[in-house]
Amino acid sequence: MDTSAITDDFMNQMLAASKEYTIVLLKAGPVQDKDDLRQIVWEHGRRNFALRSAGLVSIVCPITDGGPLKGIAIFNTGVQETKQIMEGDPGVKEGIFVYEVHTGRSFPGDHL
């Protein structure tokens, strides 16, 4: 990997053009034995698609390795609005999920 093309000027330009996002880490909550767990998680997914469609979320990334981290989402909203959105999530309301909110930055051209 050649880093010689990545000048200090380029790095400063990229840093100046970066944008702030809110990142949510979704984790397993204390409730994992509800009879309707699958349906609640399904509705959680439906809500994620609606948030993405409304432009509130750029990336939704379910984690499927069976560990305690269940997903990552990158929101286009501030911390307080993101917390309000997450408090309305069906899985969070039922205790299936808990979440952490963090601020982060991304650079022009970043995408999946």
Protein backbone atom coordinates (compact mmCIF):
# COMPACT_ATOMS: atom_id res chain seq x y z
CA MET A 1 0.00 0.00 0.00
CA ASP A 2 1.51 3.28 -1.16
CA THR A 3 0.68 6.25 1.10
CA SER A 4 2.82 8.80 -0.77
CA ALA A 5 -0.23 10.21 -2.63
CA ILE A 6 -1.91 11.01 0.69
CA THR A 7 -0.44 14.41 1.41
CA ASP A 8 -1.00 16.56 4.47
CA ASP A 9 -3.00 18.96 2.30
CA PHE A 10 -5.24 16.12 1.13
CA MET A 11 -5.77 14.95 4.71
CA ASN A 12 -6.62 18.48 5.88
CA GLN A 13 -9.12 18.88 3.02
CA MET A 14 -10.78 15.59 3.87
CA LEU A 15 -10.95 16.43 7.58
CA ALA A 16 -12.51 19.81 6.81
CA ALA A 17 -15.12 18.15 4.58
CA SER A 18 -16.02 15.38 7.04
CA LYS A 19 -19.57 15.16 8.35
CA GLU A 20 -20.78 14.27 11.84
CA TYR A 21 -23.06 11.27 12.29
CA THR A 22 -24.58 9.51 15.26
CA ILE A 23 -23.69 5.85 15.61
CA VAL A 24 -25.88 3.38 17.47
CA LEU A 25 -24.57 0.11 18.84
CA LEU A 26 -27.50 -2.22 19.40
CA LYS A 27 -26.97 -4.94 22.00
CA ALA A 28 -28.97 -7.82 23.41
CA GLY A 29 -31.26 -6.64 26.17
CA PRO A 30 -32.37 -8.45 29.32
CA VAL A 31 -35.50 -9.93 27.69
CA GLN A 32 -34.76 -12.78 25.29
CA ASP A 33 -37.55 -15.25 26.07
CA LYS A 34 -40.76 -13.54 24.91
CA ASP A 35 -43.22 -15.70 23.00
CA ASP A 36 -43.55 -13.03 20.31
CA LEU A 37 -39.83 -12.19 20.14
CA ARG A 38 -39.54 -12.99 16.42
CA GLN A 39 -42.48 -10.73 15.57
CA ILE A 40 -41.09 -7.85 17.65
CA VAL A 41 -37.71 -8.17 15.94
CA TRP A 42 -39.51 -8.28 12.57
CA GLU A 43 -41.26 -5.00 13.38
CA HIS A 44 -37.94 -3.55 14.56
CA GLY A 45 -36.60 -4.37 11.08
CA ARG A 46 -39.62 -2.84 9.38
CA ARG A 47 -39.04 0.35 11.38
CA ASN A 48 -35.38 0.40 10.33
CA PHE A 49 -36.41 0.26 6.66
CA ALA A 50 -38.81 3.17 7.28
CA LEU A 51 -36.08 5.20 9.01
CA ARG A 52 -33.78 4.57 6.08
CA SER A 53 -36.49 5.48 3.60
CA ALA A 54 -37.11 8.75 5.49
CA GLY A 55 -33.40 9.64 5.29
CA LEU A 56 -32.87 9.44 9.06
CA VAL A 57 -30.49 6.47 8.84
CA SER A 58 -27.75 5.95 6.25
CA ILE A 59 -26.61 2.47 7.22
CA VAL A 60 -28.31 -0.36 9.08
CA CYS A 61 -26.05 -3.31 9.71
CA PRO A 62 -27.43 -6.30 11.63
CA ILE A 63 -24.73 -8.37 13.36
CA THR A 64 -25.40 -12.07 12.90
CA ASP A 65 -22.53 -13.83 14.66
CA GLY A 66 -24.60 -14.71 17.74
CA GLY A 67 -22.69 -12.43 20.11
CA PRO A 68 -24.12 -9.70 22.34
CA LEU A 69 -23.72 -7.00 19.65
CA LYS A 70 -26.86 -7.19 17.50
CA GLY A 71 -26.43 -4.29 15.11
CA ILE A 72 -24.85 -1.00 14.14
CA ALA A 73 -26.66 1.93 12.59
CA ILE A 74 -25.39 5.27 11.35
CA PHE A 75 -27.96 8.02 11.83
CA ASN A 76 -28.15 11.39 10.10
CA THR A 77 -29.67 12.90 13.23
CA GLY A 78 -28.15 14.46 16.34
CA VAL A 79 -27.63 12.57 19.57
CA GLN A 80 -30.87 13.68 21.28
CA GLU A 81 -33.07 12.97 18.24
CA THR A 82 -31.37 9.60 17.78
CA LYS A 83 -32.08 8.70 21.42
CA GLN A 84 -35.75 9.67 20.94
CA ILE A 85 -35.93 7.53 17.81
CA MET A 86 -34.34 4.57 19.58
CA GLU A 87 -36.68 4.85 22.58
CA GLY A 88 -39.56 4.30 20.14
CA ASP A 89 -38.06 1.12 18.72
CA PRO A 90 -40.29 -1.93 19.42
CA GLY A 91 -37.33 -4.10 20.44
CA VAL A 92 -36.00 -1.46 22.83
CA LYS A 93 -39.46 -0.91 24.31
CA GLU A 94 -39.78 -4.64 25.02
CA GLY A 95 -36.27 -4.98 26.49
CA ILE A 96 -35.04 -7.23 23.67
CA PHE A 97 -32.44 -4.63 22.75
CA VAL A 98 -30.47 -1.96 24.59
CA TYR A 99 -28.36 0.61 22.80
CA GLU A 100 -25.43 2.99 23.05
CA VAL A 101 -25.23 6.27 21.12
CA HIS A 102 -21.90 7.71 19.98
CA THR A 103 -20.88 10.62 17.77
CA GLY A 104 -18.54 10.00 14.89
CA ARG A 105 -17.39 11.48 11.61
CA SER A 106 -17.17 10.21 8.06
CA PHE A 107 -15.41 11.47 4.98
CA PRO A 108 -16.61 12.37 1.47
CA GLY A 109 -16.82 9.29 -0.70
CA ASP A 110 -17.26 6.78 2.14
CA HIS A 111 -19.90 4.15 1.38
CA LEU A 112 -20.50 0.44 1.48
